[in-house]
Amino acid sequence: MLIGSREFKVLVARTYAQQVEGWSDKDNMRGYSGLIFMYPAGTYPAMVMRHMRFGLDILWVNGGQIVDMAPDLSWRD
């Protein structure tokens, strides 16, 4: 995936089941920079990552540009 001029190695959550699973029950991102969730333009889906074992930055990207960000989201018991 290209954001601006930087390239990132990412997984794509193509199915609803993959979107629900996300990074749940994983110890790390296994060499990837992120996980992409594709949604129709104009929608604002909620992001829930159950059973997270590491912190996340969530970025909203449109047309290869970051349009919003939720940095340093940490899992809490």
C-alpha atoms as a PDB file:
ATOM      1  CA  MET A   1       0.000   0.000   0.000  1.00  0.00           C
ATOM      2  CA  LEU A   2       1.218   3.487  -0.837  1.00  0.00           C
ATOM      3  CA  ILE A   3       0.494   6.400   1.521  1.00  0.00           C
ATOM      4  CA  GLY A   4       1.943   9.583   0.124  1.00  0.00           C
ATOM      5  CA  SER A   5       5.339   8.434  -1.126  1.00  0.00           C
ATOM      6  CA  ARG A   6       5.831   5.650   1.476  1.00  0.00           C
ATOM      7  CA  GLU A   7       5.131   2.020   0.729  1.00  0.00           C
ATOM      8  CA  PHE A   8       3.805  -0.308   3.450  1.00  0.00           C
ATOM      9  CA  LYS A   9       3.475  -4.108   3.542  1.00  0.00           C
ATOM     10  CA  VAL A  10      -0.089  -4.711   4.754  1.00  0.00           C
ATOM     11  CA  LEU A  11      -2.680  -7.456   4.984  1.00  0.00           C
ATOM     12  CA  VAL A  12      -6.155  -6.799   3.602  1.00  0.00           C
ATOM     13  CA  ALA A  13      -9.228  -7.894   5.581  1.00  0.00           C
ATOM     14  CA  ARG A  14     -11.371  -8.836   2.572  1.00  0.00           C
ATOM     15  CA  THR A  15     -14.185 -10.674   4.330  1.00  0.00           C
ATOM     16  CA  TYR A  16     -16.426  -9.752   7.238  1.00  0.00           C
ATOM     17  CA  ALA A  17     -14.889 -12.617   9.256  1.00  0.00           C
ATOM     18  CA  GLN A  18     -11.377 -11.228   8.651  1.00  0.00           C
ATOM     19  CA  GLN A  19     -12.541  -7.748   9.690  1.00  0.00           C
ATOM     20  CA  VAL A  20     -14.052  -9.105  12.911  1.00  0.00           C
ATOM     21  CA  GLU A  21     -10.892 -11.078  13.704  1.00  0.00           C
ATOM     22  CA  GLY A  22      -8.441  -8.250  12.906  1.00  0.00           C
ATOM     23  CA  TRP A  23      -5.330  -8.624  15.086  1.00  0.00           C
ATOM     24  CA  SER A  24      -7.270 -10.336  17.909  1.00  0.00           C
ATOM     25  CA  ASP A  25      -5.353 -13.056  19.733  1.00  0.00           C
ATOM     26  CA  LYS A  26      -2.116 -12.230  17.875  1.00  0.00           C
ATOM     27  CA  ASP A  27       1.126 -11.371  19.701  1.00  0.00           C
ATOM     28  CA  ASN A  28       2.370  -9.057  16.942  1.00  0.00           C
ATOM     29  CA  MET A  29       1.723  -8.024  13.327  1.00  0.00           C
ATOM     30  CA  ARG A  30       3.977 -10.793  11.941  1.00  0.00           C
ATOM     31  CA  GLY A  31       6.209  -8.532   9.833  1.00  0.00           C
ATOM     32  CA  TYR A  32       3.398  -6.437   8.383  1.00  0.00           C
ATOM     33  CA  SER A  33       2.995  -2.684   8.847  1.00  0.00           C
ATOM     34  CA  GLY A  34      -0.762  -2.919   9.166  1.00  0.00           C
ATOM     35  CA  LEU A  35      -4.136  -4.383   8.301  1.00  0.00           C
ATOM     36  CA  ILE A  36      -6.395  -2.657   5.779  1.00  0.00           C
ATOM     37  CA  PHE A  37     -10.178  -2.596   6.139  1.00  0.00           C
ATOM     38  CA  MET A  38     -11.977  -1.482   2.977  1.00  0.00           C
ATOM     39  CA  TYR A  39     -15.276   0.364   3.448  1.00  0.00           C
ATOM     40  CA  PRO A  40     -17.512   2.285   1.047  1.00  0.00           C
ATOM     41  CA  ALA A  41     -16.877   6.031   0.875  1.00  0.00           C
ATOM     42  CA  GLY A  42     -18.950   8.086   3.280  1.00  0.00           C
ATOM     43  CA  THR A  43     -19.254   5.345   5.916  1.00  0.00           C
ATOM     44  CA  TYR A  44     -17.835   5.638   9.435  1.00  0.00           C
ATOM     45  CA  PRO A  45     -17.475   2.115  10.825  1.00  0.00           C
ATOM     46  CA  ALA A  46     -16.580   1.501  14.459  1.00  0.00           C
ATOM     47  CA  MET A  47     -13.274  -0.218  15.099  1.00  0.00           C
ATOM     48  CA  VAL A  48     -13.184  -2.814  17.869  1.00  0.00           C
ATOM     49  CA  MET A  49     -10.118  -4.953  18.480  1.00  0.00           C
ATOM     50  CA  ARG A  50     -10.919  -7.546  21.109  1.00  0.00           C
ATOM     51  CA  HIS A  51      -8.174  -9.511  22.840  1.00  0.00           C
ATOM     52  CA  MET A  52      -5.418  -7.193  21.598  1.00  0.00           C
ATOM     53  CA  ARG A  53      -1.908  -7.897  22.869  1.00  0.00           C
ATOM     54  CA  PHE A  54      -0.184  -4.807  21.455  1.00  0.00           C
ATOM     55  CA  GLY A  55      -0.965  -1.145  20.825  1.00  0.00           C
ATOM     56  CA  LEU A  56      -2.232   0.217  17.513  1.00  0.00           C
ATOM     57  CA  ASP A  57      -2.353   3.384  15.483  1.00  0.00           C
ATOM     58  CA  ILE A  58      -5.544   3.549  13.405  1.00  0.00           C
ATOM     59  CA  LEU A  59      -5.354   5.601  10.208  1.00  0.00           C
ATOM     60  CA  TRP A  60      -8.165   6.546   7.879  1.00  0.00           C
ATOM     61  CA  VAL A  61      -6.853   6.794   4.326  1.00  0.00           C
ATOM     62  CA  ASN A  62      -8.597   8.184   1.256  1.00  0.00           C
ATOM     63  CA  GLY A  63      -6.951   8.480  -2.133  1.00  0.00           C
ATOM     64  CA  GLY A  64      -3.535   7.580  -0.720  1.00  0.00           C
ATOM     65  CA  GLN A  65      -3.650  10.386   1.866  1.00  0.00           C
ATOM     66  CA  ILE A  66      -4.158  10.110   5.637  1.00  0.00           C
ATOM     67  CA  VAL A  67      -7.414  11.925   6.475  1.00  0.00           C
ATOM     68  CA  ASP A  68      -7.678  11.066  10.187  1.00  0.00           C
ATOM     69  CA  MET A  69      -5.705   9.243  12.855  1.00  0.00           C
ATOM     70  CA  ALA A  70      -6.155   7.654  16.278  1.00  0.00           C
ATOM     71  CA  PRO A  71      -2.590   7.138  17.555  1.00  0.00           C
ATOM     72  CA  ASP A  72      -1.266   4.964  20.368  1.00  0.00           C
ATOM     73  CA  LEU A  73      -4.394   2.933  21.165  1.00  0.00           C
ATOM     74  CA  SER A  74      -3.425   0.432  23.822  1.00  0.00           C
ATOM     75  CA  TRP A  75      -5.104  -2.704  25.024  1.00  0.00           C
ATOM     76  CA  ARG A  76      -6.313  -2.554  28.591  1.00  0.00           C
ATOM     77  CA  ASP A  77      -7.376  -5.453  30.771  1.00  0.00           C
END
